Amino acid sequence: MHAVWPDDPGEALALQARLRRRVVARGAPTPALVAGLDAAYSRDGATVYGAAVLFSFPGLEDVDEAWTACEARFPYVPGLFAFREGPALCAALERLDRTPDLILVHGHGTAHPRRCGIASHLGVLLGIPSIGVADRLLVGKAGEPGAERGAAAPVCFEGEAVGWAVRTRTGARPVYVSPGHLVGHAAAVDLVLAMSVGYRRPEPLRAAHRCASVARAGMTKR
């Protein structure tokens, strides 16, 4: 387990570099089950509550959900969130009754300084197609997409498109979508739009956010 989730930043960077070489940012999966993954923290930051919520696709029916609490052993280091939140997210995913065909992760995939954000990290580690969906940029610059739902503009970093600013709801702020693993750019945008029904975030991520927040509140009351 230590090899998978080192708690030393130097070891983490070395592992991230190895995982980056295995990232495949192409593919167009047709999932039947999609899991949204998100995390919440205790007030003191010492505990991570990881949540996984399974949805059918394209019907977007809530099929199953699970959460877990883990000690936050890894320090707060931008670009290395996979090592801080990943253990809790993987543990929650393992508690689901079925394995998803695709995971949506609240965070980045290839839109990352080393092209291996948490969505790419988990996708490679688990061997599951993955997409990163974030609320703000980590690297690069993005054009402003049109105001209408479905508009998208590339996120460019070091001379290449690493993700997309996507308007999932007319007039709302864009979300930042990037391939994680085994998903191409166009497919990532299309799938996120297909799962964003009336809200800015796609449904599996909205549900995962609620699940993690409820888990944190419940543990706090005990």
Protein backbone atom coordinates (compact mmCIF):
# COMPACT_ATOMS: atom_id res chain seq x y z
CA MET A 1 0.00 0.00 0.00
CA HIS A 2 2.86 2.35 0.76
CA ALA A 3 4.14 1.90 -2.80
CA VAL A 4 0.75 2.91 -4.19
CA TRP A 5 0.18 5.82 -1.79
CA PRO A 6 3.55 7.16 -0.59
CA ASP A 7 3.37 9.90 2.03
CA ASP A 8 6.63 11.53 0.93
CA PRO A 9 6.26 14.22 -1.80
CA GLY A 10 9.48 13.15 -3.51
CA GLU A 11 8.30 9.57 -3.82
CA ALA A 12 4.90 10.81 -4.96
CA LEU A 13 6.43 12.88 -7.76
CA ALA A 14 8.45 9.89 -8.94
CA LEU A 15 5.33 7.68 -8.96
CA GLN A 16 3.35 10.36 -10.78
CA ALA A 17 6.03 10.50 -13.47
CA ARG A 18 5.76 6.73 -13.96
CA LEU A 19 1.98 6.82 -14.11
CA ARG A 20 2.05 9.68 -16.62
CA ARG A 21 3.74 7.41 -19.16
CA ARG A 22 0.77 5.05 -18.94
CA VAL A 23 -1.96 7.68 -19.45
CA VAL A 24 -3.95 7.15 -22.66
CA ALA A 25 -5.89 10.32 -23.53
CA ARG A 26 -7.96 8.80 -26.31
CA GLY A 27 -11.00 6.60 -26.59
CA ALA A 28 -14.77 6.95 -26.65
CA PRO A 29 -16.29 4.66 -24.01
CA THR A 30 -20.00 3.83 -23.97
CA PRO A 31 -20.59 3.23 -20.25
CA ALA A 32 -23.61 1.59 -18.70
CA LEU A 33 -22.50 2.52 -15.16
CA VAL A 34 -20.74 5.76 -14.18
CA ALA A 35 -19.35 6.56 -10.73
CA GLY A 36 -18.86 10.10 -9.45
CA LEU A 37 -16.01 10.53 -6.96
CA ASP A 38 -15.57 13.45 -4.59
CA ALA A 39 -14.01 14.12 -1.20
CA ALA A 40 -14.66 16.31 1.83
CA TYR A 41 -12.39 17.13 4.77
CA SER A 42 -12.91 17.34 8.49
CA ARG A 43 -12.65 20.84 9.92
CA ASP A 44 -9.09 20.23 11.10
CA GLY A 45 -8.10 18.68 7.76
CA ALA A 46 -6.95 15.46 9.41
CA THR A 47 -9.64 13.21 7.89
CA VAL A 48 -10.70 12.74 4.27
CA TYR A 49 -14.23 11.52 3.54
CA GLY A 50 -14.28 9.86 0.15
CA ALA A 51 -17.57 9.24 -1.64
CA ALA A 52 -18.49 7.17 -4.69
CA VAL A 53 -21.98 7.31 -6.19
CA LEU A 54 -22.94 4.95 -9.01
CA PHE A 55 -25.35 6.03 -11.75
CA SER A 56 -26.84 4.26 -14.73
CA PHE A 57 -26.08 5.80 -18.10
CA PRO A 58 -27.68 7.26 -20.09
CA GLY A 59 -30.69 7.03 -17.75
CA LEU A 60 -28.85 8.76 -14.87
CA GLU A 61 -30.57 6.79 -12.13
CA ASP A 62 -28.83 6.56 -8.75
CA VAL A 63 -27.86 2.89 -8.42
CA ASP A 64 -25.57 2.71 -5.38
CA GLU A 65 -23.40 4.84 -3.13
CA ALA A 66 -20.65 4.36 -0.57
CA TRP A 67 -18.26 6.44 1.49
CA THR A 68 -15.30 5.95 3.74
CA ALA A 69 -13.15 8.01 6.11
CA CYS A 70 -9.36 7.93 5.94
CA GLU A 71 -6.57 9.72 7.72
CA ALA A 72 -5.13 12.52 5.54
CA ARG A 73 -1.54 11.32 5.68
CA PHE A 74 -0.21 13.21 2.67
CA PRO A 75 0.52 16.95 2.98
CA TYR A 76 -1.38 19.64 1.10
CA VAL A 77 0.67 20.00 -2.10
CA PRO A 78 -0.90 21.48 -5.26
CA GLY A 79 -0.60 19.01 -8.11
CA LEU A 80 -0.39 16.02 -5.77
CA PHE A 81 -3.98 15.84 -4.54
CA ALA A 82 -4.24 12.26 -5.79
CA PHE A 83 -2.03 11.18 -2.89
CA ARG A 84 -4.10 13.07 -0.34
CA GLU A 85 -7.59 12.09 -1.53
CA GLY A 86 -6.94 8.98 -3.59
CA PRO A 87 -6.88 6.40 -0.76
CA ALA A 88 -10.33 7.50 0.48
CA LEU A 89 -11.81 7.64 -3.03
CA CYS A 90 -10.51 4.18 -3.93
CA ALA A 91 -11.78 2.74 -0.66
CA ALA A 92 -15.24 4.18 -1.30
CA LEU A 93 -15.24 2.84 -4.85
CA GLU A 94 -14.40 -0.65 -3.57
CA ARG A 95 -17.50 -0.57 -1.38
CA LEU A 96 -19.86 -0.24 -4.33
CA ASP A 97 -21.75 -3.39 -5.29
CA ARG A 98 -20.69 -3.09 -8.94
CA THR A 99 -17.66 -1.78 -10.79
CA PRO A 100 -18.29 1.31 -12.95
CA ASP A 101 -17.41 1.48 -16.64
CA LEU A 102 -16.34 5.11 -16.23
CA ILE A 103 -15.39 7.33 -13.32
CA LEU A 104 -15.90 11.08 -13.08
CA VAL A 105 -13.49 12.63 -10.59
CA HIS A 106 -13.79 16.07 -9.02
CA GLY A 107 -10.38 17.29 -10.11
CA HIS A 108 -8.16 17.33 -13.16
CA GLY A 109 -6.88 14.72 -15.57
CA THR A 110 -4.41 15.84 -18.23
CA ALA A 111 -4.99 19.54 -17.39
CA HIS A 112 -2.19 19.25 -14.87
CA PRO A 113 1.42 20.47 -14.72
CA ARG A 114 2.67 16.91 -15.29
CA ARG A 115 -0.38 15.73 -17.30
CA CYS A 116 -1.36 13.31 -14.53
CA GLY A 117 -3.96 14.79 -12.20
CA ILE A 118 -6.13 12.78 -9.85
CA ALA A 119 -8.50 11.61 -12.61
CA SER A 120 -5.59 10.26 -14.67
CA HIS A 121 -3.91 8.78 -11.59
CA LEU A 122 -7.02 6.85 -10.54
CA GLY A 123 -7.87 5.82 -14.10
CA VAL A 124 -4.44 4.27 -14.66
CA LEU A 125 -4.28 2.74 -11.19
CA LEU A 126 -7.72 1.13 -11.49
CA GLY A 127 -7.69 0.42 -15.23
CA ILE A 128 -11.00 2.27 -15.67
CA PRO A 129 -11.78 5.05 -18.17
CA SER A 130 -11.83 8.34 -16.30
CA ILE A 131 -12.59 12.05 -16.75
CA GLY A 132 -11.59 15.00 -14.60
CA VAL A 133 -14.13 17.76 -13.92
CA ALA A 134 -12.89 20.76 -11.95
CA ASP A 135 -14.31 24.09 -10.84
CA ARG A 136 -11.16 26.09 -11.63
CA LEU A 137 -7.98 25.86 -13.65
CA LEU A 138 -4.82 24.35 -12.24
CA VAL A 139 -2.58 25.19 -15.21
CA GLY A 140 -2.82 26.97 -18.54
CA LYS A 141 -5.23 29.46 -19.96
CA ALA A 142 -8.73 28.93 -21.30
CA GLY A 143 -10.73 30.93 -23.76
CA GLU A 144 -14.20 32.01 -22.69
CA PRO A 145 -16.76 29.62 -24.18
CA GLY A 146 -20.00 30.96 -25.60
CA ALA A 147 -22.79 31.65 -23.12
CA GLU A 148 -25.00 28.81 -24.34
CA ARG A 149 -25.02 25.28 -22.96
CA GLY A 150 -22.60 23.05 -24.86
CA ALA A 151 -20.12 25.77 -25.75
CA ALA A 152 -16.48 24.86 -25.13
CA ALA A 153 -13.07 26.49 -25.39
CA PRO A 154 -9.68 24.76 -25.13
CA VAL A 155 -7.45 24.95 -22.08
CA CYS A 156 -3.93 25.46 -23.45
CA PHE A 157 -0.72 24.77 -21.58
CA GLU A 158 2.81 24.56 -22.95
CA GLY A 159 1.57 24.75 -26.51
CA GLU A 160 -1.09 22.06 -26.40
CA ALA A 161 -4.73 21.61 -25.50
CA VAL A 162 -4.85 19.78 -22.16
CA GLY A 163 -8.58 20.18 -21.47
CA TRP A 164 -11.69 22.25 -22.10
CA ALA A 165 -13.71 24.99 -20.48
CA VAL A 166 -17.27 23.72 -20.94
CA ARG A 167 -20.55 25.55 -20.44
CA THR A 168 -22.78 22.86 -18.99
CA ARG A 169 -25.61 25.28 -18.25
CA THR A 170 -26.52 28.41 -20.19
CA GLY A 171 -25.12 31.48 -18.44
CA ALA A 172 -23.36 29.52 -15.68
CA ARG A 173 -19.63 29.52 -15.08
CA PRO A 174 -17.84 26.83 -17.09
CA VAL A 175 -16.43 23.66 -15.63
CA TYR A 176 -12.99 22.45 -16.69
CA VAL A 177 -13.04 19.03 -18.31
CA SER A 178 -9.98 16.96 -19.17
CA PRO A 179 -9.35 13.36 -20.15
CA GLY A 180 -8.24 11.17 -17.30
CA HIS A 181 -7.44 7.82 -18.91
CA LEU A 182 -8.82 5.87 -21.88
CA VAL A 183 -11.03 8.81 -22.89
CA GLY A 184 -10.33 11.34 -25.63
CA HIS A 185 -10.97 15.07 -25.48
CA ALA A 186 -14.15 15.11 -27.55
CA ALA A 187 -15.63 12.10 -25.74
CA ALA A 188 -14.85 13.64 -22.35
CA VAL A 189 -16.73 16.83 -23.21
CA ASP A 190 -19.67 14.95 -24.73
CA LEU A 191 -20.03 12.61 -21.76
CA VAL A 192 -19.88 15.42 -19.21
CA LEU A 193 -22.54 17.35 -21.13
CA ALA A 194 -24.74 14.24 -21.33
CA MET A 195 -24.58 13.91 -17.53
CA SER A 196 -25.18 17.60 -16.76
CA VAL A 197 -28.94 17.96 -16.53
CA GLY A 198 -30.06 21.38 -15.40
CA TYR A 199 -27.06 21.99 -13.16
CA ARG A 200 -23.47 23.12 -13.63
CA ARG A 201 -21.90 19.89 -12.39
CA PRO A 202 -22.71 16.47 -13.87
CA GLU A 203 -25.18 14.46 -11.81
CA PRO A 204 -22.75 11.77 -10.54
CA LEU A 205 -20.43 14.45 -9.16
CA ARG A 206 -23.27 16.41 -7.58
CA ALA A 207 -24.37 13.24 -5.81
CA ALA A 208 -20.83 12.37 -4.72
CA HIS A 209 -20.38 15.86 -3.30
CA ARG A 210 -23.59 15.48 -1.27
CA CYS A 211 -22.60 12.01 -0.08
CA ALA A 212 -19.16 13.18 1.13
CA SER A 213 -20.67 16.22 2.84
CA VAL A 214 -23.32 14.12 4.62
CA ALA A 215 -20.68 11.62 5.74
CA ARG A 216 -18.55 14.43 7.17
CA ALA A 217 -21.53 15.99 8.96
CA GLY A 218 -22.61 12.64 10.38
CA MET A 219 -19.17 11.84 11.75
CA THR A 220 -18.84 15.33 13.21
CA LYS A 221 -22.06 14.84 15.24
CA ARG A 222 -20.83 11.66 16.85
